[in-house]
C-alpha atoms as a PDB file:
ATOM      1  CA  MET A   1     -20.859   2.481  35.863  1.00  0.00           C
ATOM      2  CA  PRO A   2     -22.033  -1.048  35.149  1.00  0.00           C
ATOM      3  CA  PRO A   3     -19.339  -3.729  35.527  1.00  0.00           C
ATOM      4  CA  SER A   4     -19.293  -4.585  31.784  1.00  0.00           C
ATOM      5  CA  ILE A   5     -18.519  -0.984  30.777  1.00  0.00           C
ATOM      6  CA  ASN A   6     -15.833  -0.793  33.440  1.00  0.00           C
ATOM      7  CA  LYS A   7     -14.199  -3.993  32.104  1.00  0.00           C
ATOM      8  CA  THR A   8     -14.429  -2.722  28.529  1.00  0.00           C
ATOM      9  CA  PHE A   9     -12.830   0.562  29.489  1.00  0.00           C
ATOM     10  CA  THR A  10     -10.050  -1.266  31.344  1.00  0.00           C
ATOM     11  CA  VAL A  11      -9.340  -3.532  28.366  1.00  0.00           C
ATOM     12  CA  LEU A  12      -9.261  -0.584  25.971  1.00  0.00           C
ATOM     13  CA  ALA A  13      -7.019   1.395  28.310  1.00  0.00           C
ATOM     14  CA  VAL A  14      -4.574  -1.508  28.649  1.00  0.00           C
ATOM     15  CA  ALA A  15      -4.563  -2.026  24.872  1.00  0.00           C
ATOM     16  CA  GLY A  16      -3.961   1.685  24.295  1.00  0.00           C
ATOM     17  CA  VAL A  17      -1.083   1.752  26.773  1.00  0.00           C
ATOM     18  CA  GLY A  18       0.357  -1.349  25.090  1.00  0.00           C
ATOM     19  CA  VAL A  19       0.216   0.240  21.641  1.00  0.00           C
ATOM     20  CA  LEU A  20       1.778   3.434  22.955  1.00  0.00           C
ATOM     21  CA  ALA A  21       4.540   1.500  24.730  1.00  0.00           C
ATOM     22  CA  TYR A  22       5.307  -0.457  21.561  1.00  0.00           C
ATOM     23  CA  ALA A  23       5.445   2.754  19.521  1.00  0.00           C
ATOM     24  CA  VAL A  24       7.922   4.277  21.973  1.00  0.00           C
ATOM     25  CA  TYR A  25      10.028   1.087  21.982  1.00  0.00           C
ATOM     26  CA  PHE A  26       9.989   0.874  18.175  1.00  0.00           C
ATOM     27  CA  ASP A  27      10.977   4.530  17.800  1.00  0.00           C
ATOM     28  CA  HIS A  28      13.800   4.172  20.331  1.00  0.00           C
ATOM     29  CA  ARG A  29      15.138   1.056  18.625  1.00  0.00           C
ATOM     30  CA  ARG A  30      14.836   2.692  15.183  1.00  0.00           C
ATOM     31  CA  ARG A  31      16.835   5.707  16.363  1.00  0.00           C
ATOM     32  CA  THR A  32      19.588   3.845  18.249  1.00  0.00           C
ATOM     33  CA  ASP A  33      20.153   0.452  16.576  1.00  0.00           C
ATOM     34  CA  ALA A  34      21.914   0.700  13.184  1.00  0.00           C
ATOM     35  CA  ASN A  35      21.291  -2.960  12.361  1.00  0.00           C
ATOM     36  CA  PHE A  36      17.586  -2.528  13.014  1.00  0.00           C
ATOM     37  CA  ARG A  37      17.455   0.494  10.670  1.00  0.00           C
ATOM     38  CA  LYS A  38      19.280  -1.493   7.999  1.00  0.00           C
ATOM     39  CA  GLN A  39      16.856  -4.379   8.424  1.00  0.00           C
ATOM     40  CA  LEU A  40      13.910  -1.996   8.086  1.00  0.00           C
ATOM     41  CA  ARG A  41      15.320  -0.558   4.863  1.00  0.00           C
ATOM     42  CA  THR A  42      15.793  -3.980   3.283  1.00  0.00           C
ATOM     43  CA  SER A  43      12.447  -5.432   4.288  1.00  0.00           C
ATOM     44  CA  ASP A  44       9.808  -5.905   1.593  1.00  0.00           C
ATOM     45  CA  PHE A  45       7.277  -3.780   3.452  1.00  0.00           C
ATOM     46  CA  VAL A  46       9.536  -0.744   3.570  1.00  0.00           C
ATOM     47  CA  SER A  47      10.581  -1.212  -0.071  1.00  0.00           C
ATOM     48  CA  PHE A  48       6.918  -1.339  -1.050  1.00  0.00           C
ATOM     49  CA  SER A  49       6.080   1.747   0.980  1.00  0.00           C
ATOM     50  CA  LEU A  50       8.996   3.677  -0.550  1.00  0.00           C
ATOM     51  CA  ILE A  51       7.207   3.580  -3.892  1.00  0.00           C
ATOM     52  CA  PHE A  52       4.359   5.690  -2.530  1.00  0.00           C
ATOM     53  CA  THR A  53       6.389   8.306  -0.692  1.00  0.00           C
ATOM     54  CA  THR A  54       8.584  11.162  -1.798  1.00  0.00           C
ATOM     55  CA  HIS A  55      12.327  10.900  -1.291  1.00  0.00           C
ATOM     56  CA  SER A  56      15.401  12.992  -1.242  1.00  0.00           C
ATOM     57  CA  GLY A  57      17.922  12.500  -4.022  1.00  0.00           C
ATOM     58  CA  ARG A  58      20.058  10.206  -1.870  1.00  0.00           C
ATOM     59  CA  ASP A  59      17.123   7.969  -0.994  1.00  0.00           C
ATOM     60  CA  LYS A  60      16.086   7.794  -4.643  1.00  0.00           C
ATOM     61  CA  LYS A  61      19.599   6.753  -5.678  1.00  0.00           C
ATOM     62  CA  LYS A  62      19.590   3.995  -3.050  1.00  0.00           C
ATOM     63  CA  LEU A  63      16.167   2.834  -4.190  1.00  0.00           C
ATOM     64  CA  ASP A  64      17.205   2.855  -7.851  1.00  0.00           C
ATOM     65  CA  LYS A  65      20.338   0.878  -7.001  1.00  0.00           C
ATOM     66  CA  SER A  66      18.395  -1.749  -5.069  1.00  0.00           C
ATOM     67  CA  VAL A  67      15.829  -2.044  -7.868  1.00  0.00           C
ATOM     68  CA  ALA A  68      18.636  -2.487 -10.408  1.00  0.00           C
ATOM     69  CA  GLN A  69      20.261  -5.173  -8.264  1.00  0.00           C
ATOM     70  CA  ALA A  70      16.940  -6.969  -7.906  1.00  0.00           C
ATOM     71  CA  ALA A  71      16.374  -6.792 -11.662  1.00  0.00           C
ATOM     72  CA  THR A  72      19.785  -8.251 -12.460  1.00  0.00           C
ATOM     73  CA  SER A  73      19.352 -11.064  -9.943  1.00  0.00           C
ATOM     74  CA  THR A  74      15.867 -11.761 -11.317  1.00  0.00           C
ATOM     75  CA  SER A  75      17.096 -11.784 -14.918  1.00  0.00           C
ATOM     76  CA  ALA A  76      19.912 -14.162 -13.972  1.00  0.00           C
ATOM     77  CA  SER A  77      17.493 -16.552 -12.268  1.00  0.00           C
ATOM     78  CA  VAL A  78      15.086 -16.374 -15.221  1.00  0.00           C
ATOM     79  CA  ALA A  79      17.900 -17.129 -17.677  1.00  0.00           C
ATOM     80  CA  ALA A  80      19.001 -20.093 -15.569  1.00  0.00           C
ATOM     81  CA  SER A  81      15.479 -21.497 -15.408  1.00  0.00           C
ATOM     82  CA  GLY A  82      15.088 -21.688 -19.192  1.00  0.00           C
ATOM     83  CA  ASP A  83      12.365 -19.057 -19.511  1.00  0.00           C
ATOM     84  CA  PRO A  84      12.298 -16.730 -22.536  1.00  0.00           C
ATOM     85  CA  PRO A  85      15.219 -14.282 -22.543  1.00  0.00           C
ATOM     86  CA  ILE A  86      14.627 -10.778 -21.293  1.00  0.00           C
ATOM     87  CA  THR A  87      15.720  -9.289 -24.626  1.00  0.00           C
ATOM     88  CA  GLU A  88      12.876 -11.043 -26.450  1.00  0.00           C
ATOM     89  CA  ILE A  89      10.384  -9.760 -23.921  1.00  0.00           C
ATOM     90  CA  LEU A  90      11.735  -6.209 -24.212  1.00  0.00           C
ATOM     91  CA  GLU A  91      11.561  -6.404 -28.026  1.00  0.00           C
ATOM     92  CA  ALA A  92       7.944  -7.577 -27.830  1.00  0.00           C
ATOM     93  CA  MET A  93       7.129  -4.711 -25.466  1.00  0.00           C
ATOM     94  CA  THR A  94       8.743  -2.252 -27.875  1.00  0.00           C
ATOM     95  CA  ARG A  95       6.683  -3.619 -30.767  1.00  0.00           C
ATOM     96  CA  ALA A  96       3.542  -3.331 -28.647  1.00  0.00           C
ATOM     97  CA  LYS A  97       4.318   0.301 -27.812  1.00  0.00           C
ATOM     98  CA  GLU A  98       4.860   1.115 -31.482  1.00  0.00           C
ATOM     99  CA  ASP A  99       1.494  -0.366 -32.450  1.00  0.00           C
ATOM    100  CA  ARG A 100      -0.931   2.281 -33.603  1.00  0.00           C
ATOM    101  CA  VAL A 101      -4.080   2.594 -31.503  1.00  0.00           C
ATOM    102  CA  PRO A 102      -7.159   2.614 -33.766  1.00  0.00           C
ATOM    103  CA  ALA A 103      -9.225   5.779 -33.565  1.00  0.00           C
ATOM    104  CA  THR A 104     -12.761   4.665 -34.373  1.00  0.00           C
ATOM    105  CA  PRO A 105     -14.740   1.896 -32.683  1.00  0.00           C
ATOM    106  CA  GLU A 106     -14.953  -0.052 -35.959  1.00  0.00           C
ATOM    107  CA  GLU A 107     -11.170   0.042 -36.395  1.00  0.00           C
ATOM    108  CA  ARG A 108     -10.695  -0.999 -32.765  1.00  0.00           C
ATOM    109  CA  GLU A 109     -13.002  -3.965 -33.225  1.00  0.00           C
ATOM    110  CA  LYS A 110     -11.181  -4.993 -36.394  1.00  0.00           C
ATOM    111  CA  TYR A 111      -7.808  -4.674 -34.660  1.00  0.00           C
ATOM    112  CA  PHE A 112      -9.044  -6.642 -31.655  1.00  0.00           C
ATOM    113  CA  MET A 113     -10.389  -9.455 -33.823  1.00  0.00           C
ATOM    114  CA  ALA A 114      -7.068  -9.627 -35.727  1.00  0.00           C
ATOM    115  CA  GLN A 115      -5.182  -9.940 -32.434  1.00  0.00           C
ATOM    116  CA  VAL A 116      -7.578 -12.636 -31.207  1.00  0.00           C
ATOM    117  CA  GLU A 117      -7.045 -14.531 -34.450  1.00  0.00           C
ATOM    118  CA  LYS A 118      -3.258 -14.339 -34.010  1.00  0.00           C
ATOM    119  CA  GLY A 119      -3.635 -15.650 -30.465  1.00  0.00           C
ATOM    120  CA  GLU A 120      -5.813 -18.533 -31.608  1.00  0.00           C
ATOM    121  CA  GLN A 121      -3.254 -19.441 -34.275  1.00  0.00           C
ATOM    122  CA  LEU A 122      -0.476 -19.474 -31.682  1.00  0.00           C
ATOM    123  CA  CYS A 123      -2.563 -21.658 -29.386  1.00  0.00           C
ATOM    124  CA  ALA A 124      -3.301 -24.030 -32.251  1.00  0.00           C
ATOM    125  CA  ARG A 125       0.452 -24.504 -32.823  1.00  0.00           C
ATOM    126  CA  GLY A 126       0.782 -25.824 -29.295  1.00  0.00           C
ATOM    127  CA  ALA A 127       2.968 -25.171 -26.300  1.00  0.00           C
ATOM    128  CA  SER A 128       5.970 -27.038 -27.741  1.00  0.00           C
ATOM    129  CA  THR A 129       6.485 -24.484 -30.528  1.00  0.00           C
ATOM    130  CA  LEU A 130       6.217 -21.614 -28.074  1.00  0.00           C
ATOM    131  CA  GLY A 131       9.027 -22.959 -25.905  1.00  0.00           C
ATOM    132  CA  LEU A 132       6.770 -23.471 -22.903  1.00  0.00           C
END
């Protein structure tokens, strides 16, 4: 074998052994250290990955509880910062859901233009009347 291939093989072998050793270490620590498991559960990465995986009922309850706690802390910080109240936003979302979706392309265009006109009128009023 030429020396460059031998060096490449050695580097890849060392990297592979390193990855394998880290996987074994991580698995051992995950299985034995309760604080490490707790830290993994509360990290943003794990919370994000939980959305895309299936869970048992107990895991789902924990996830729902943590989402509810995050929502209440977020709503409290939003209310303290002077942003629009959550109730107004929820009412606007409800009104948007109740809006009828036009069936034909002509009706859709008419609806779209009406919404654009409303938006332009709100912009013309200025940011001070919107509470921004």
